[in-house]
């Protein structure tokens, strides 16, 4: 999926007016592809990650 298509799918999902199948059909992909590319949680979505807000790699085990 292109960034523009992901953005379209995310905005459509966030509108809560369409089913996942309808969103997928409008993007020409399967619902699983939509699920893999958009955020479906209710947490606020950051617009971009910066060095100070990005999650660290690795970390303690």
N, C-alpha and C. Protein backbone atom coordinates (compact mmCIF):
# COMPACT_ATOMS: atom_id res chain seq x y z
N UNK A 1 0.84 -1.19 0.00
CA UNK A 1 0.00 0.00 0.00
C UNK A 1 0.88 1.24 0.00
N UNK A 2 0.47 2.21 -0.76
CA UNK A 2 1.20 3.48 -0.79
C UNK A 2 0.86 4.29 0.46
N UNK A 3 1.73 5.23 0.82
CA UNK A 3 1.41 6.09 1.96
C UNK A 3 0.07 6.82 1.80
N UNK A 4 -0.25 7.24 0.59
CA UNK A 4 -1.52 7.93 0.36
C UNK A 4 -2.70 6.99 0.59
N UNK A 5 -2.57 5.74 0.17
CA UNK A 5 -3.64 4.77 0.37
C UNK A 5 -3.80 4.39 1.84
N UNK A 6 -2.68 4.29 2.55
CA UNK A 6 -2.72 4.02 3.98
C UNK A 6 -3.43 5.17 4.70
N UNK A 7 -3.09 6.40 4.31
CA UNK A 7 -3.72 7.58 4.91
C UNK A 7 -5.22 7.57 4.66
N UNK A 8 -5.62 7.25 3.43
CA UNK A 8 -7.04 7.18 3.09
C UNK A 8 -7.73 6.12 3.95
N UNK A 9 -7.12 4.95 4.06
CA UNK A 9 -7.71 3.87 4.85
C UNK A 9 -7.82 4.26 6.32
N UNK A 10 -6.79 4.92 6.84
CA UNK A 10 -6.81 5.33 8.25
C UNK A 10 -7.92 6.35 8.50
N UNK A 11 -8.03 7.34 7.62
CA UNK A 11 -9.07 8.35 7.79
C UNK A 11 -10.46 7.73 7.68
N UNK A 12 -10.63 6.80 6.74
CA UNK A 12 -11.91 6.14 6.58
C UNK A 12 -12.24 5.30 7.81
N UNK A 13 -11.25 4.58 8.32
CA UNK A 13 -11.46 3.79 9.53
C UNK A 13 -11.82 4.68 10.71
N UNK A 14 -11.10 5.77 10.85
CA UNK A 14 -11.34 6.69 11.97
C UNK A 14 -12.72 7.34 11.93
N UNK A 15 -13.31 7.44 10.74
CA UNK A 15 -14.64 8.03 10.63
C UNK A 15 -15.73 7.14 11.24
N UNK A 16 -15.43 5.86 11.42
CA UNK A 16 -16.35 4.88 12.01
C UNK A 16 -17.66 4.78 11.25
N UNK A 17 -17.61 5.03 9.94
CA UNK A 17 -18.82 4.95 9.12
C UNK A 17 -18.78 3.77 8.15
N UNK A 18 -17.66 3.06 8.09
CA UNK A 18 -17.50 1.99 7.12
C UNK A 18 -16.96 0.73 7.78
N UNK A 19 -17.32 -0.42 7.23
CA UNK A 19 -16.76 -1.67 7.73
C UNK A 19 -15.36 -1.85 7.17
N UNK A 20 -14.61 -2.76 7.77
CA UNK A 20 -13.26 -3.03 7.28
C UNK A 20 -13.32 -3.58 5.85
N UNK A 21 -14.34 -4.38 5.55
CA UNK A 21 -14.49 -4.92 4.19
C UNK A 21 -14.74 -3.79 3.18
N UNK A 22 -15.53 -2.80 3.57
CA UNK A 22 -15.80 -1.67 2.68
C UNK A 22 -14.53 -0.84 2.47
N UNK A 23 -13.77 -0.63 3.52
CA UNK A 23 -12.52 0.13 3.41
C UNK A 23 -11.56 -0.62 2.49
N UNK A 24 -11.43 -1.92 2.70
CA UNK A 24 -10.53 -2.72 1.87
C UNK A 24 -10.95 -2.68 0.41
N UNK A 25 -12.24 -2.82 0.15
CA UNK A 25 -12.73 -2.79 -1.24
C UNK A 25 -12.44 -1.45 -1.89
N UNK A 26 -12.60 -0.36 -1.14
CA UNK A 26 -12.36 0.97 -1.72
C UNK A 26 -10.88 1.20 -2.02
N UNK A 27 -10.02 0.44 -1.33
CA UNK A 27 -8.58 0.56 -1.55
C UNK A 27 -8.04 -0.52 -2.49
N UNK A 28 -8.88 -1.47 -2.85
CA UNK A 28 -8.46 -2.53 -3.76
C UNK A 28 -7.54 -3.55 -3.11
N UNK A 29 -7.70 -3.78 -1.81
CA UNK A 29 -6.87 -4.74 -1.08
C UNK A 29 -7.78 -5.59 -0.19
N UNK A 30 -7.19 -6.56 0.50
CA UNK A 30 -7.96 -7.38 1.43
C UNK A 30 -8.06 -6.70 2.78
N UNK A 31 -9.06 -7.09 3.59
CA UNK A 31 -9.14 -6.52 4.94
C UNK A 31 -7.88 -6.76 5.76
N UNK A 32 -7.22 -7.92 5.58
CA UNK A 32 -6.00 -8.19 6.34
C UNK A 32 -4.92 -7.17 6.00
N UNK A 33 -4.84 -6.76 4.75
CA UNK A 33 -3.85 -5.74 4.36
C UNK A 33 -4.15 -4.42 5.07
N UNK A 34 -5.42 -4.09 5.19
CA UNK A 34 -5.79 -2.87 5.91
C UNK A 34 -5.36 -2.99 7.37
N UNK A 35 -5.70 -4.10 8.01
CA UNK A 35 -5.32 -4.30 9.41
C UNK A 35 -3.81 -4.20 9.62
N UNK A 36 -3.03 -4.68 8.67
CA UNK A 36 -1.58 -4.62 8.80
C UNK A 36 -1.02 -3.21 8.66
N UNK A 37 -1.77 -2.33 8.03
CA UNK A 37 -1.22 -1.02 7.70
C UNK A 37 -1.81 0.16 8.44
N UNK A 38 -2.89 -0.04 9.19
CA UNK A 38 -3.45 1.08 9.94
C UNK A 38 -3.45 0.76 11.43
N UNK A 39 -3.63 1.80 12.22
CA UNK A 39 -3.74 1.64 13.67
C UNK A 39 -5.21 1.53 14.02
N UNK A 40 -5.55 0.51 14.80
CA UNK A 40 -6.94 0.30 15.18
C UNK A 40 -7.18 0.52 16.67
N UNK A 41 -6.13 0.90 17.40
CA UNK A 41 -6.31 1.17 18.82
C UNK A 41 -6.91 2.55 19.02
N UNK A 42 -7.27 2.85 20.25
CA UNK A 42 -7.91 4.13 20.53
C UNK A 42 -6.93 5.18 21.03
N UNK A 43 -5.65 4.82 21.15
CA UNK A 43 -4.65 5.78 21.62
C UNK A 43 -4.46 6.88 20.58
N UNK A 44 -4.10 8.05 21.05
CA UNK A 44 -3.85 9.16 20.14
C UNK A 44 -2.66 8.83 19.26
N UNK A 45 -2.78 9.13 17.98
CA UNK A 45 -1.73 8.79 17.02
C UNK A 45 -0.77 9.96 16.83
N UNK A 46 0.52 9.74 17.10
CA UNK A 46 1.48 10.81 16.84
C UNK A 46 1.64 10.99 15.33
N UNK A 47 1.89 12.22 14.90
CA UNK A 47 2.04 12.46 13.47
C UNK A 47 3.39 11.96 12.97
N UNK A 48 4.44 12.16 13.75
CA UNK A 48 5.76 11.64 13.39
C UNK A 48 6.51 11.29 14.66
N UNK A 49 7.43 10.37 14.55
CA UNK A 49 8.27 10.01 15.69
C UNK A 49 9.56 10.81 15.60
N UNK A 50 9.97 11.37 16.71
CA UNK A 50 11.23 12.10 16.75
C UNK A 50 12.21 11.31 17.59
N UNK A 51 13.44 11.72 17.61
CA UNK A 51 14.46 11.02 18.37
C UNK A 51 14.08 10.96 19.85
N UNK A 52 13.43 11.98 20.37
CA UNK A 52 13.08 11.99 21.79
C UNK A 52 11.84 11.17 22.09
N UNK A 53 10.98 10.90 21.09
CA UNK A 53 9.75 10.14 21.34
C UNK A 53 9.77 8.75 20.76
N UNK A 54 10.75 8.44 19.92
CA UNK A 54 10.81 7.12 19.31
C UNK A 54 11.15 6.06 20.34
N UNK A 55 10.57 4.90 20.20
CA UNK A 55 10.84 3.80 21.12
C UNK A 55 12.29 3.33 20.94
N UNK A 56 12.98 3.06 22.05
CA UNK A 56 14.37 2.60 21.93
C UNK A 56 14.41 1.19 21.35
N UNK A 57 15.48 0.89 20.64
CA UNK A 57 15.67 -0.45 20.11
C UNK A 57 16.38 -1.31 21.13
N UNK A 58 16.09 -2.56 21.08
CA UNK A 58 16.76 -3.48 22.01
C UNK A 58 16.11 -3.37 23.37
N UNK A 59 16.84 -2.91 24.35
CA UNK A 59 16.31 -2.73 25.68
C UNK A 59 16.59 -3.94 26.56
N UNK A 60 16.23 -3.86 27.82
CA UNK A 60 16.48 -4.97 28.75
C UNK A 60 15.60 -6.17 28.43
N UNK A 61 16.10 -7.31 28.77
CA UNK A 61 15.33 -8.55 28.53
C UNK A 61 14.90 -9.13 29.81
